[in-house]
Amino acid sequence: MPTSQSKKHAYSALVIGVSAGGLAALELLLPLLPNSFSLAIIVLQHRGENNLTSIDDSDEDFLVEYFKGRCSMPVFAATMGDKIKAGHIYIAPAQYHLLIEQQQTFSFSLEPPVNYALPSIDVLFESASHCYKNQLIGLILTGASSDGSQGLKMIKINGGLTIVQDPSTAEASFMPTAAIASHKVDHILPLKDISTFLINLSLKDQGDD
């Protein structure tokens, strides 16, 4: 019989914020997660100049198609009104802020950029933290702006788990460094260790059930 304690603290979703150097970082993370991985994953990659490496980002679905061919988990574009499902990877669109509603569905916003970013990691993380509370994991990877710092802090305030890529392993260290400065991060990990950490965490949650 599962206990209320284990149910309360089992993680349901992982939000990932990444910017400059993001494609290489995501390539070393997402394809290593097995199709049995139990969390929903929502990825927000800044799509501006120099944030993607050696690809044509004119097609907004490029990242979806790119990772569909590389990941064991199913990969989809985050779509307005879609119910977020466990064991799926969702990629944020390029032209809108992505939010998560209380019903665990996606919505879009045409509000101006936040922290000079559209879409904004802070906007996604803050809305996700209000929805999932202590069942959420927030992860900040490589990037050249401070976007995501306040959103990650909000995840921590609402009882979620916060993880940041070790800046020394990031192609662009500014974003992870800013996130670490924003609050007492739970885990600072080299990029190569993050997938194993997440898999073990997911398996532990399943074991608690």
N, C-alpha and C. Protein backbone atom coordinates (compact mmCIF):
# COMPACT_ATOMS: atom_id res chain seq x y z
N MET A 1 0.84 -1.20 0.00
CA MET A 1 0.00 0.00 0.00
C MET A 1 0.88 1.25 0.00
N PRO A 2 0.66 2.16 -0.94
CA PRO A 2 1.45 3.40 -0.91
C PRO A 2 1.05 4.26 0.26
N THR A 3 2.00 4.95 0.83
CA THR A 3 1.69 5.85 1.93
C THR A 3 1.36 7.22 1.37
N SER A 4 0.64 8.02 2.17
CA SER A 4 0.33 9.38 1.73
C SER A 4 1.61 10.19 1.58
N GLN A 5 2.63 9.88 2.40
CA GLN A 5 3.89 10.60 2.32
C GLN A 5 4.58 10.36 0.99
N SER A 6 4.63 9.07 0.55
CA SER A 6 5.31 8.78 -0.71
C SER A 6 4.53 9.36 -1.88
N LYS A 7 3.21 9.31 -1.82
CA LYS A 7 2.40 9.89 -2.88
C LYS A 7 2.62 11.40 -2.96
N LYS A 8 2.69 12.01 -1.78
CA LYS A 8 2.81 13.46 -1.72
C LYS A 8 4.09 13.93 -2.38
N HIS A 9 5.17 13.18 -2.22
CA HIS A 9 6.47 13.66 -2.67
C HIS A 9 6.95 12.99 -3.95
N ALA A 10 6.14 12.10 -4.55
CA ALA A 10 6.52 11.54 -5.85
C ALA A 10 6.47 12.66 -6.88
N TYR A 11 7.47 12.70 -7.76
CA TYR A 11 7.54 13.76 -8.76
C TYR A 11 6.71 13.39 -9.99
N SER A 12 6.04 14.39 -10.55
CA SER A 12 5.16 14.17 -11.70
C SER A 12 5.70 14.80 -12.98
N ALA A 13 6.46 15.87 -12.85
CA ALA A 13 6.90 16.60 -14.04
C ALA A 13 8.28 17.20 -13.85
N LEU A 14 8.97 17.37 -14.97
CA LEU A 14 10.29 17.99 -15.03
C LEU A 14 10.24 19.10 -16.06
N VAL A 15 10.58 20.32 -15.65
CA VAL A 15 10.69 21.43 -16.60
C VAL A 15 12.17 21.75 -16.79
N ILE A 16 12.55 21.95 -18.04
CA ILE A 16 13.95 22.20 -18.39
C ILE A 16 14.03 23.53 -19.11
N GLY A 17 14.92 24.41 -18.63
CA GLY A 17 15.18 25.68 -19.30
C GLY A 17 16.60 25.70 -19.83
N VAL A 18 16.76 26.09 -21.09
CA VAL A 18 18.08 26.04 -21.72
C VAL A 18 18.14 27.10 -22.81
N SER A 19 19.34 27.63 -23.01
CA SER A 19 19.51 28.69 -24.01
C SER A 19 20.76 28.41 -24.83
N ALA A 20 21.72 29.32 -24.84
CA ALA A 20 22.90 29.16 -25.69
C ALA A 20 23.62 27.85 -25.39
N GLY A 21 23.93 27.10 -26.44
CA GLY A 21 24.54 25.79 -26.28
C GLY A 21 23.56 24.69 -25.99
N GLY A 22 22.28 25.00 -26.15
CA GLY A 22 21.24 24.08 -25.70
C GLY A 22 21.13 22.79 -26.48
N LEU A 23 21.32 22.84 -27.80
CA LEU A 23 21.15 21.62 -28.58
C LEU A 23 22.13 20.55 -28.13
N ALA A 24 23.39 20.92 -27.96
CA ALA A 24 24.40 19.95 -27.54
C ALA A 24 24.09 19.41 -26.14
N ALA A 25 23.62 20.29 -25.24
CA ALA A 25 23.30 19.85 -23.89
C ALA A 25 22.12 18.88 -23.89
N LEU A 26 21.08 19.22 -24.64
CA LEU A 26 19.90 18.36 -24.70
C LEU A 26 20.22 17.01 -25.35
N GLU A 27 21.15 17.02 -26.30
CA GLU A 27 21.56 15.76 -26.94
C GLU A 27 22.22 14.82 -25.95
N LEU A 28 22.88 15.38 -24.92
CA LEU A 28 23.54 14.55 -23.92
C LEU A 28 22.63 14.22 -22.75
N LEU A 29 21.38 14.62 -22.82
CA LEU A 29 20.44 14.38 -21.73
C LEU A 29 19.21 13.59 -22.19
N LEU A 30 18.45 14.13 -23.11
CA LEU A 30 17.16 13.53 -23.44
C LEU A 30 17.26 12.12 -24.04
N PRO A 31 18.17 11.85 -24.98
CA PRO A 31 18.21 10.51 -25.55
C PRO A 31 18.61 9.42 -24.55
N LEU A 32 19.19 9.78 -23.43
CA LEU A 32 19.60 8.79 -22.43
C LEU A 32 18.46 8.38 -21.50
N LEU A 33 17.34 9.08 -21.55
CA LEU A 33 16.21 8.75 -20.69
C LEU A 33 15.41 7.62 -21.34
N PRO A 34 15.12 6.53 -20.60
CA PRO A 34 14.44 5.38 -21.20
C PRO A 34 12.95 5.65 -21.43
N ASN A 35 12.32 4.83 -22.27
CA ASN A 35 10.89 5.04 -22.52
C ASN A 35 10.04 4.70 -21.31
N SER A 36 10.66 4.12 -20.28
CA SER A 36 9.95 3.84 -19.02
C SER A 36 10.03 5.01 -18.04
N PHE A 37 10.72 6.10 -18.42
CA PHE A 37 10.86 7.25 -17.53
C PHE A 37 9.47 7.79 -17.21
N SER A 38 9.19 7.98 -15.93
CA SER A 38 7.81 8.16 -15.49
C SER A 38 7.32 9.61 -15.45
N LEU A 39 8.21 10.58 -15.59
CA LEU A 39 7.79 11.98 -15.48
C LEU A 39 7.45 12.57 -16.85
N ALA A 40 6.53 13.51 -16.86
CA ALA A 40 6.36 14.37 -18.03
C ALA A 40 7.52 15.36 -18.06
N ILE A 41 8.05 15.62 -19.25
CA ILE A 41 9.17 16.55 -19.41
C ILE A 41 8.75 17.67 -20.34
N ILE A 42 8.93 18.91 -19.89
CA ILE A 42 8.61 20.08 -20.71
C ILE A 42 9.90 20.87 -20.91
N VAL A 43 10.32 21.02 -22.16
CA VAL A 43 11.60 21.65 -22.49
C VAL A 43 11.34 23.01 -23.13
N LEU A 44 11.96 24.04 -22.58
CA LEU A 44 11.92 25.36 -23.20
C LEU A 44 13.33 25.76 -23.60
N GLN A 45 13.55 25.80 -24.91
CA GLN A 45 14.83 26.21 -25.49
C GLN A 45 14.66 27.60 -26.11
N HIS A 46 15.44 28.57 -25.66
CA HIS A 46 15.44 29.85 -26.36
C HIS A 46 15.83 29.61 -27.81
N ARG A 47 15.12 30.27 -28.74
CA ARG A 47 15.36 30.03 -30.16
C ARG A 47 16.07 31.18 -30.84
N GLY A 48 16.59 32.13 -30.08
CA GLY A 48 17.22 33.30 -30.69
C GLY A 48 18.57 33.00 -31.30
N GLU A 49 19.20 34.04 -31.80
CA GLU A 49 20.50 33.92 -32.46
C GLU A 49 21.53 33.28 -31.53
N ASN A 50 22.23 32.28 -32.07
CA ASN A 50 23.33 31.58 -31.37
C ASN A 50 22.85 30.65 -30.27
N ASN A 51 21.53 30.47 -30.10
CA ASN A 51 21.06 29.55 -29.06
C ASN A 51 21.00 28.12 -29.55
N LEU A 52 20.97 27.93 -30.86
CA LEU A 52 21.03 26.59 -31.43
C LEU A 52 22.29 26.51 -32.27
N THR A 53 22.78 25.30 -32.43
CA THR A 53 24.09 25.13 -33.05
C THR A 53 23.99 24.38 -34.37
N SER A 54 24.44 25.00 -35.45
CA SER A 54 24.58 24.34 -36.75
C SER A 54 23.27 23.78 -37.27
N ILE A 55 22.15 24.47 -37.05
CA ILE A 55 20.89 24.02 -37.61
C ILE A 55 20.13 25.24 -38.12
N ASP A 56 19.18 24.99 -39.01
CA ASP A 56 18.27 26.03 -39.48
C ASP A 56 17.02 25.97 -38.63
N ASP A 57 16.79 26.99 -37.81
CA ASP A 57 15.64 26.99 -36.91
C ASP A 57 14.44 27.70 -37.53
N SER A 58 14.39 27.83 -38.86
CA SER A 58 13.26 28.50 -39.49
C SER A 58 11.98 27.69 -39.31
N ASP A 59 12.10 26.38 -39.17
CA ASP A 59 10.94 25.52 -38.92
C ASP A 59 10.78 25.35 -37.42
N GLU A 60 9.65 25.86 -36.88
CA GLU A 60 9.48 25.84 -35.44
C GLU A 60 9.43 24.42 -34.86
N ASP A 61 9.13 23.43 -35.70
CA ASP A 61 9.03 22.06 -35.21
C ASP A 61 10.36 21.31 -35.34
N PHE A 62 11.43 22.01 -35.69
CA PHE A 62 12.71 21.32 -35.90
C PHE A 62 13.10 20.50 -34.67
N LEU A 63 13.05 21.11 -33.48
CA LEU A 63 13.49 20.41 -32.29
C LEU A 63 12.64 19.17 -32.02
N VAL A 64 11.35 19.27 -32.29
CA VAL A 64 10.47 18.10 -32.10
C VAL A 64 10.92 16.96 -33.00
N GLU A 65 11.07 17.24 -34.29
CA GLU A 65 11.47 16.20 -35.24
C GLU A 65 12.88 15.69 -34.94
N TYR A 66 13.74 16.60 -34.55
CA TYR A 66 15.14 16.23 -34.26
C TYR A 66 15.21 15.22 -33.13
N PHE A 67 14.47 15.49 -32.06
CA PHE A 67 14.56 14.59 -30.90
C PHE A 67 13.64 13.38 -31.02
N LYS A 68 12.63 13.45 -31.85
CA LYS A 68 11.83 12.25 -32.10
C LYS A 68 12.71 11.12 -32.61
N GLY A 69 13.67 11.46 -33.44
CA GLY A 69 14.53 10.45 -34.03
C GLY A 69 15.67 10.01 -33.13
N ARG A 70 15.79 10.62 -31.95
CA ARG A 70 16.91 10.33 -31.07
C ARG A 70 16.51 9.84 -29.68
N CYS A 71 15.26 10.02 -29.32
CA CYS A 71 14.83 9.70 -27.95
C CYS A 71 13.99 8.43 -27.90
N SER A 72 14.12 7.71 -26.80
CA SER A 72 13.25 6.55 -26.55
C SER A 72 11.86 7.00 -26.12
N MET A 73 11.79 8.12 -25.39
CA MET A 73 10.51 8.66 -24.97
C MET A 73 9.82 9.34 -26.15
N PRO A 74 8.49 9.32 -26.21
CA PRO A 74 7.79 10.03 -27.28
C PRO A 74 7.95 11.54 -27.12
N VAL A 75 8.13 12.24 -28.24
CA VAL A 75 8.39 13.68 -28.24
C VAL A 75 7.29 14.39 -29.03
N PHE A 76 6.75 15.46 -28.44
CA PHE A 76 5.67 16.21 -29.07
C PHE A 76 5.91 17.71 -28.92
N ALA A 77 5.29 18.48 -29.80
CA ALA A 77 5.22 19.93 -29.62
C ALA A 77 4.16 20.22 -28.55
N ALA A 78 4.47 21.12 -27.63
CA ALA A 78 3.46 21.55 -26.66
C ALA A 78 2.37 22.31 -27.42
N THR A 79 1.12 21.88 -27.24
CA THR A 79 0.01 22.42 -28.01
C THR A 79 -1.06 22.97 -27.07
N MET A 80 -1.61 24.10 -27.41
CA MET A 80 -2.63 24.75 -26.59
C MET A 80 -3.75 23.78 -26.22
N GLY A 81 -4.01 23.66 -24.92
CA GLY A 81 -5.11 22.85 -24.44
C GLY A 81 -4.79 21.39 -24.23
N ASP A 82 -3.62 20.93 -24.69
CA ASP A 82 -3.27 19.52 -24.53
C ASP A 82 -3.07 19.16 -23.07
N LYS A 83 -3.56 17.99 -22.69
CA LYS A 83 -3.32 17.44 -21.36
C LYS A 83 -1.90 16.90 -21.30
N ILE A 84 -1.16 17.25 -20.27
CA ILE A 84 0.22 16.81 -20.12
C ILE A 84 0.23 15.38 -19.59
N LYS A 85 0.93 14.50 -20.29
CA LYS A 85 0.93 13.08 -19.95
C LYS A 85 2.28 12.63 -19.42
N ALA A 86 2.25 11.73 -18.46
CA ALA A 86 3.48 11.16 -17.91
C ALA A 86 4.22 10.41 -19.01
N GLY A 87 5.56 10.42 -18.91
CA GLY A 87 6.37 9.66 -19.85
C GLY A 87 6.47 10.25 -21.23
N HIS A 88 6.11 11.53 -21.40
CA HIS A 88 6.19 12.22 -22.68
C HIS A 88 7.12 13.42 -22.56
N ILE A 89 7.80 13.75 -23.66
CA ILE A 89 8.61 14.96 -23.75
C ILE A 89 7.86 15.98 -24.60
N TYR A 90 7.74 17.20 -24.08
CA TYR A 90 7.06 18.27 -24.81
C TYR A 90 8.06 19.41 -25.05
N ILE A 91 8.06 19.94 -26.27
CA ILE A 91 8.95 21.04 -26.64
C ILE A 91 8.13 22.32 -26.76
N ALA A 92 8.56 23.37 -26.07
CA ALA A 92 7.85 24.65 -26.12
C ALA A 92 7.96 25.28 -27.50
N PRO A 93 6.91 25.98 -27.94
CA PRO A 93 6.96 26.67 -29.23
C PRO A 93 7.91 27.87 -29.18
N ALA A 94 8.27 28.36 -30.34
CA ALA A 94 9.25 29.44 -30.42
C ALA A 94 8.64 30.82 -30.25
N GLN A 95 7.35 31.00 -30.56
CA GLN A 95 6.82 32.36 -30.69
C GLN A 95 5.97 32.82 -29.51
N TYR A 96 5.71 31.95 -28.56
CA TYR A 96 4.78 32.29 -27.47
C TYR A 96 5.39 31.93 -26.12
N HIS A 97 4.93 32.62 -25.07
CA HIS A 97 5.19 32.11 -23.72
C HIS A 97 4.36 30.85 -23.52
N LEU A 98 4.95 29.84 -22.92
CA LEU A 98 4.25 28.60 -22.61
C LEU A 98 3.93 28.57 -21.13
N LEU A 99 2.67 28.30 -20.79
CA LEU A 99 2.25 28.20 -19.40
C LEU A 99 1.57 26.86 -19.16
N ILE A 100 1.56 26.45 -17.89
CA ILE A 100 0.86 25.23 -17.49
C ILE A 100 -0.28 25.62 -16.56
N GLU A 101 -1.49 25.21 -16.93
CA GLU A 101 -2.67 25.55 -16.15
C GLU A 101 -2.89 24.53 -15.03
N GLN A 102 -3.78 24.86 -14.10
CA GLN A 102 -4.03 24.01 -12.94
C GLN A 102 -4.53 22.62 -13.33
N GLN A 103 -5.16 22.50 -14.49
CA GLN A 103 -5.66 21.21 -14.97
C GLN A 103 -4.56 20.39 -15.65
N GLN A 104 -3.31 20.85 -15.54
CA GLN A 104 -2.16 20.21 -16.17
C GLN A 104 -2.34 20.17 -17.69
N THR A 105 -2.73 21.32 -18.23
CA THR A 105 -2.82 21.52 -19.67
C THR A 105 -1.95 22.70 -20.05
N PHE A 106 -1.62 22.79 -21.35
CA PHE A 106 -0.81 23.89 -21.84
C PHE A 106 -1.67 25.07 -22.26
N SER A 107 -1.15 26.27 -22.06
CA SER A 107 -1.73 27.46 -22.66
C SER A 107 -0.59 28.34 -23.16
N PHE A 108 -0.92 29.25 -24.08
CA PHE A 108 0.05 30.15 -24.67
C PHE A 108 -0.29 31.59 -24.30
N SER A 109 0.72 32.43 -24.29
CA SER A 109 0.52 33.86 -24.03
C SER A 109 1.31 34.67 -25.05
N LEU A 110 0.68 35.77 -25.51
CA LEU A 110 1.34 36.69 -26.43
C LEU A 110 1.85 37.93 -25.71
N GLU A 111 2.02 37.84 -24.41
CA GLU A 111 2.56 38.96 -23.65
C GLU A 111 3.98 39.30 -24.14
N PRO A 112 4.47 40.51 -23.85
CA PRO A 112 5.82 40.89 -24.29
C PRO A 112 6.89 39.99 -23.66
N PRO A 113 8.10 40.05 -24.20
CA PRO A 113 9.18 39.24 -23.63
C PRO A 113 9.39 39.51 -22.14
N VAL A 114 9.80 38.49 -21.42
CA VAL A 114 10.14 38.59 -20.00
C VAL A 114 11.64 38.29 -19.89
N ASN A 115 12.37 39.18 -19.21
CA ASN A 115 13.84 39.06 -19.18
C ASN A 115 14.40 38.99 -20.60
N TYR A 116 13.80 39.77 -21.50
CA TYR A 116 14.23 39.85 -22.89
C TYR A 116 14.02 38.53 -23.65
N ALA A 117 13.23 37.62 -23.08
CA ALA A 117 13.06 36.30 -23.68
C ALA A 117 11.61 36.03 -24.05
N LEU A 118 11.39 35.51 -25.24
CA LEU A 118 10.10 35.03 -25.69
C LEU A 118 10.35 33.79 -26.53
N PRO A 119 10.02 32.61 -26.02
CA PRO A 119 9.35 32.34 -24.74
C PRO A 119 10.30 32.51 -23.56
N SER A 120 9.71 32.67 -22.38
CA SER A 120 10.49 32.88 -21.16
C SER A 120 10.48 31.63 -20.29
N ILE A 121 11.66 31.26 -19.83
CA ILE A 121 11.77 30.14 -18.90
C ILE A 121 11.09 30.48 -17.58
N ASP A 122 11.27 31.71 -17.11
CA ASP A 122 10.63 32.12 -15.85
C ASP A 122 9.12 31.93 -15.91
N VAL A 123 8.50 32.33 -17.00
CA VAL A 123 7.04 32.21 -17.13
C VAL A 123 6.61 30.75 -17.05
N LEU A 124 7.30 29.88 -17.78
CA LEU A 124 6.97 28.46 -17.74
C LEU A 124 7.17 27.88 -16.34
N PHE A 125 8.34 28.15 -15.74
CA PHE A 125 8.65 27.56 -14.43
C PHE A 125 7.68 28.03 -13.36
N GLU A 126 7.35 29.31 -13.37
CA GLU A 126 6.45 29.83 -12.33
C GLU A 126 5.06 29.23 -12.45
N SER A 127 4.54 29.13 -13.67
CA SER A 127 3.22 28.53 -13.84
C SER A 127 3.24 27.05 -13.50
N ALA A 128 4.32 26.35 -13.86
CA ALA A 128 4.44 24.93 -13.53
C ALA A 128 4.51 24.71 -12.02
N SER A 129 5.20 25.63 -11.33
CA SER A 129 5.35 25.47 -9.88
C SER A 129 4.02 25.64 -9.16
N HIS A 130 3.15 26.52 -9.68
CA HIS A 130 1.84 26.71 -9.07
C HIS A 130 0.94 25.50 -9.33
N CYS A 131 1.16 24.83 -10.45
CA CYS A 131 0.35 23.65 -10.79
C CYS A 131 0.82 22.41 -10.05
N TYR A 132 2.12 22.10 -10.15
CA TYR A 132 2.63 20.84 -9.62
C TYR A 132 3.16 20.94 -8.19
N LYS A 133 3.47 22.12 -7.73
CA LYS A 133 3.97 22.36 -6.38
C LYS A 133 5.15 21.44 -6.07
N ASN A 134 5.05 20.60 -5.01
CA ASN A 134 6.22 19.80 -4.61
C ASN A 134 6.40 18.54 -5.45
N GLN A 135 5.60 18.39 -6.49
CA GLN A 135 5.76 17.26 -7.41
C GLN A 135 6.53 17.66 -8.68
N LEU A 136 7.17 18.83 -8.63
CA LEU A 136 7.87 19.36 -9.80
C LEU A 136 9.38 19.38 -9.60
N ILE A 137 10.10 19.06 -10.67
CA ILE A 137 11.56 19.23 -10.72
C ILE A 137 11.86 20.32 -11.75
N GLY A 138 12.69 21.27 -11.37
CA GLY A 138 13.15 22.29 -12.29
C GLY A 138 14.62 22.12 -12.58
N LEU A 139 15.00 22.24 -13.86
CA LEU A 139 16.38 22.04 -14.28
C LEU A 139 16.81 23.19 -15.19
N ILE A 140 17.89 23.85 -14.83
CA ILE A 140 18.48 24.90 -15.67
C ILE A 140 19.79 24.37 -16.26
N LEU A 141 19.89 24.49 -17.58
CA LEU A 141 21.10 24.08 -18.29
C LEU A 141 21.82 25.31 -18.83
N THR A 142 22.74 25.09 -19.72
CA THR A 142 23.58 26.13 -20.31
C THR A 142 22.76 27.28 -20.88
N GLY A 143 23.31 28.48 -20.80
CA GLY A 143 22.62 29.65 -21.36
C GLY A 143 23.36 30.94 -21.05
N ALA A 144 23.04 31.97 -21.82
CA ALA A 144 23.77 33.23 -21.71
C ALA A 144 22.92 34.37 -21.17
N SER A 145 21.83 34.05 -20.47
CA SER A 145 21.02 35.09 -19.84
C SER A 145 20.63 34.63 -18.44
N SER A 146 19.93 35.49 -17.69
CA SER A 146 19.50 35.12 -16.34
C SER A 146 18.08 34.57 -16.33
N ASP A 147 17.46 34.42 -17.52
CA ASP A 147 16.11 33.87 -17.56
C ASP A 147 16.09 32.50 -16.91
N GLY A 148 15.08 32.25 -16.10
CA GLY A 148 14.94 30.98 -15.40
C GLY A 148 15.30 31.03 -13.93
N SER A 149 16.09 32.02 -13.53
CA SER A 149 16.54 32.09 -12.13
C SER A 149 15.37 32.26 -11.17
N GLN A 150 14.48 33.20 -11.47
CA GLN A 150 13.36 33.46 -10.57
C GLN A 150 12.33 32.34 -10.64
N GLY A 151 12.16 31.77 -11.81
CA GLY A 151 11.24 30.64 -11.93
C GLY A 151 11.73 29.43 -11.15
N LEU A 152 13.04 29.17 -11.21
CA LEU A 152 13.60 28.05 -10.44
C LEU A 152 13.45 28.31 -8.95
N LYS A 153 13.67 29.55 -8.53
CA LYS A 153 13.48 29.90 -7.12
C LYS A 153 12.04 29.66 -6.69
N MET A 154 11.08 29.97 -7.55
CA MET A 154 9.67 29.75 -7.22
C MET A 154 9.37 28.26 -7.08
N ILE A 155 10.00 27.44 -7.90
CA ILE A 155 9.83 25.99 -7.76
C ILE A 155 10.30 25.55 -6.37
N LYS A 156 11.43 26.07 -5.93
CA LYS A 156 11.96 25.75 -4.60
C LYS A 156 10.99 26.23 -3.51
N ILE A 157 10.47 27.44 -3.63
CA ILE A 157 9.54 27.99 -2.64
C ILE A 157 8.29 27.12 -2.52
N ASN A 158 7.83 26.58 -3.64
CA ASN A 158 6.63 25.75 -3.64
C ASN A 158 6.91 24.28 -3.33
N GLY A 159 8.13 23.98 -2.89
CA GLY A 159 8.43 22.64 -2.41
C GLY A 159 9.00 21.69 -3.44
N GLY A 160 9.25 22.18 -4.66
CA GLY A 160 9.81 21.32 -5.69
C GLY A 160 11.31 21.16 -5.55
N LEU A 161 11.88 20.36 -6.45
CA LEU A 161 13.31 20.06 -6.45
C LEU A 161 13.99 20.89 -7.52
N THR A 162 15.13 21.51 -7.18
CA THR A 162 15.83 22.35 -8.15
C THR A 162 17.21 21.79 -8.46
N ILE A 163 17.51 21.74 -9.76
CA ILE A 163 18.77 21.20 -10.26
C ILE A 163 19.36 22.19 -11.25
N VAL A 164 20.67 22.38 -11.19
CA VAL A 164 21.36 23.27 -12.12
C VAL A 164 22.59 22.55 -12.66
N GLN A 165 22.82 22.69 -13.95
CA GLN A 165 24.05 22.18 -14.53
C GLN A 165 25.25 22.91 -13.94
N ASP A 166 26.27 22.15 -13.56
CA ASP A 166 27.51 22.75 -13.09
C ASP A 166 28.01 23.73 -14.15
N PRO A 167 28.15 25.01 -13.80
CA PRO A 167 28.57 26.00 -14.81
C PRO A 167 29.87 25.65 -15.51
N SER A 168 30.75 24.93 -14.83
CA SER A 168 32.03 24.59 -15.44
C SER A 168 31.87 23.59 -16.59
N THR A 169 30.70 22.94 -16.69
CA THR A 169 30.44 21.99 -17.77
C THR A 169 29.50 22.58 -18.82
N ALA A 170 29.14 23.85 -18.68
CA ALA A 170 28.18 24.49 -19.59
C ALA A 170 28.91 25.25 -20.70
N GLU A 171 28.38 25.17 -21.92
CA GLU A 171 28.95 25.96 -23.02
C GLU A 171 28.83 27.45 -22.73
N ALA A 172 27.72 27.84 -22.12
CA ALA A 172 27.52 29.22 -21.66
C ALA A 172 27.15 29.17 -20.18
N SER A 173 28.00 29.68 -19.34
CA SER A 173 27.86 29.48 -17.89
C SER A 173 26.96 30.51 -17.21
N PHE A 174 26.57 31.58 -17.92
CA PHE A 174 25.86 32.68 -17.26
C PHE A 174 24.53 32.22 -16.66
N MET A 175 23.74 31.48 -17.43
CA MET A 175 22.42 31.07 -16.94
C MET A 175 22.50 30.16 -15.71
N PRO A 176 23.29 29.09 -15.74
CA PRO A 176 23.39 28.28 -14.52
C PRO A 176 23.99 29.03 -13.34
N THR A 177 24.95 29.92 -13.59
CA THR A 177 25.54 30.71 -12.50
C THR A 177 24.50 31.61 -11.87
N ALA A 178 23.67 32.26 -12.69
CA ALA A 178 22.61 33.13 -12.18
C ALA A 178 21.58 32.33 -11.38
N ALA A 179 21.26 31.13 -11.84
CA ALA A 179 20.30 30.29 -11.11
C ALA A 179 20.83 29.89 -9.75
N ILE A 180 22.11 29.55 -9.69
CA ILE A 180 22.74 29.17 -8.42
C ILE A 180 22.74 30.34 -7.44
N ALA A 181 22.91 31.55 -7.98
CA ALA A 181 22.94 32.74 -7.13
C ALA A 181 21.55 33.12 -6.61
N SER A 182 20.50 32.61 -7.23
CA SER A 182 19.14 33.04 -6.89
C SER A 182 18.61 32.39 -5.62
N HIS A 183 19.09 31.19 -5.27
CA HIS A 183 18.60 30.49 -4.08
C HIS A 183 19.52 29.31 -3.79
N LYS A 184 19.26 28.61 -2.71
CA LYS A 184 20.05 27.43 -2.36
C LYS A 184 19.56 26.25 -3.21
N VAL A 185 20.24 26.01 -4.31
CA VAL A 185 19.85 24.96 -5.26
C VAL A 185 20.05 23.59 -4.60
N ASP A 186 19.15 22.66 -4.88
CA ASP A 186 19.25 21.33 -4.27
C ASP A 186 20.42 20.53 -4.81
N HIS A 187 20.64 20.59 -6.13
CA HIS A 187 21.71 19.79 -6.74
C HIS A 187 22.36 20.58 -7.87
N ILE A 188 23.68 20.63 -7.85
CA ILE A 188 24.48 21.20 -8.95
C ILE A 188 25.29 20.04 -9.53
N LEU A 189 25.01 19.68 -10.78
CA LEU A 189 25.55 18.45 -11.34
C LEU A 189 26.24 18.69 -12.68
N PRO A 190 27.33 17.97 -12.95
CA PRO A 190 27.90 18.00 -14.30
C PRO A 190 26.87 17.50 -15.31
N LEU A 191 26.90 18.04 -16.50
CA LEU A 191 25.92 17.65 -17.51
C LEU A 191 25.86 16.13 -17.71
N LYS A 192 27.02 15.47 -17.72
CA LYS A 192 27.06 14.04 -18.00
C LYS A 192 26.38 13.20 -16.92
N ASP A 193 26.17 13.77 -15.73
CA ASP A 193 25.58 13.01 -14.62
C ASP A 193 24.08 13.25 -14.46
N ILE A 194 23.51 14.20 -15.19
CA ILE A 194 22.13 14.60 -14.92
C ILE A 194 21.15 13.51 -15.31
N SER A 195 21.34 12.87 -16.45
CA SER A 195 20.39 11.84 -16.88
C SER A 195 20.34 10.69 -15.89
N THR A 196 21.50 10.23 -15.42
CA THR A 196 21.53 9.14 -14.44
C THR A 196 20.85 9.54 -13.15
N PHE A 197 21.08 10.77 -12.70
CA PHE A 197 20.44 11.26 -11.48
C PHE A 197 18.91 11.24 -11.64
N LEU A 198 18.42 11.72 -12.78
CA LEU A 198 16.97 11.77 -13.00
C LEU A 198 16.37 10.37 -13.08
N ILE A 199 17.06 9.46 -13.75
CA ILE A 199 16.57 8.08 -13.86
C ILE A 199 16.48 7.45 -12.48
N ASN A 200 17.52 7.60 -11.67
CA ASN A 200 17.51 7.04 -10.32
C ASN A 200 16.41 7.64 -9.47
N LEU A 201 16.16 8.93 -9.64
CA LEU A 201 15.11 9.60 -8.88
C LEU A 201 13.74 9.06 -9.29
N SER A 202 13.55 8.86 -10.58
CA SER A 202 12.30 8.32 -11.07
C SER A 202 12.08 6.88 -10.57
N LEU A 203 13.14 6.08 -10.59
CA LEU A 203 13.03 4.71 -10.10
C LEU A 203 12.72 4.66 -8.61
N LYS A 204 13.30 5.58 -7.85
CA LYS A 204 13.04 5.66 -6.43
C LYS A 204 11.56 5.98 -6.18
N ASP A 205 11.01 6.92 -6.94
CA ASP A 205 9.60 7.25 -6.81
C ASP A 205 8.72 6.04 -7.10
N GLN A 206 9.07 5.28 -8.16
CA GLN A 206 8.28 4.10 -8.50
C GLN A 206 8.38 3.06 -7.40
N GLY A 207 9.59 2.94 -6.81
CA GLY A 207 9.77 2.00 -5.72
C GLY A 207 8.94 2.37 -4.50
N ASP A 208 8.82 3.70 -4.23
CA ASP A 208 8.02 4.15 -3.11
C ASP A 208 6.56 3.81 -3.28
N ASP A 209 6.11 3.74 -4.57
CA ASP A 209 4.71 3.39 -4.81
C ASP A 209 4.47 1.93 -4.45
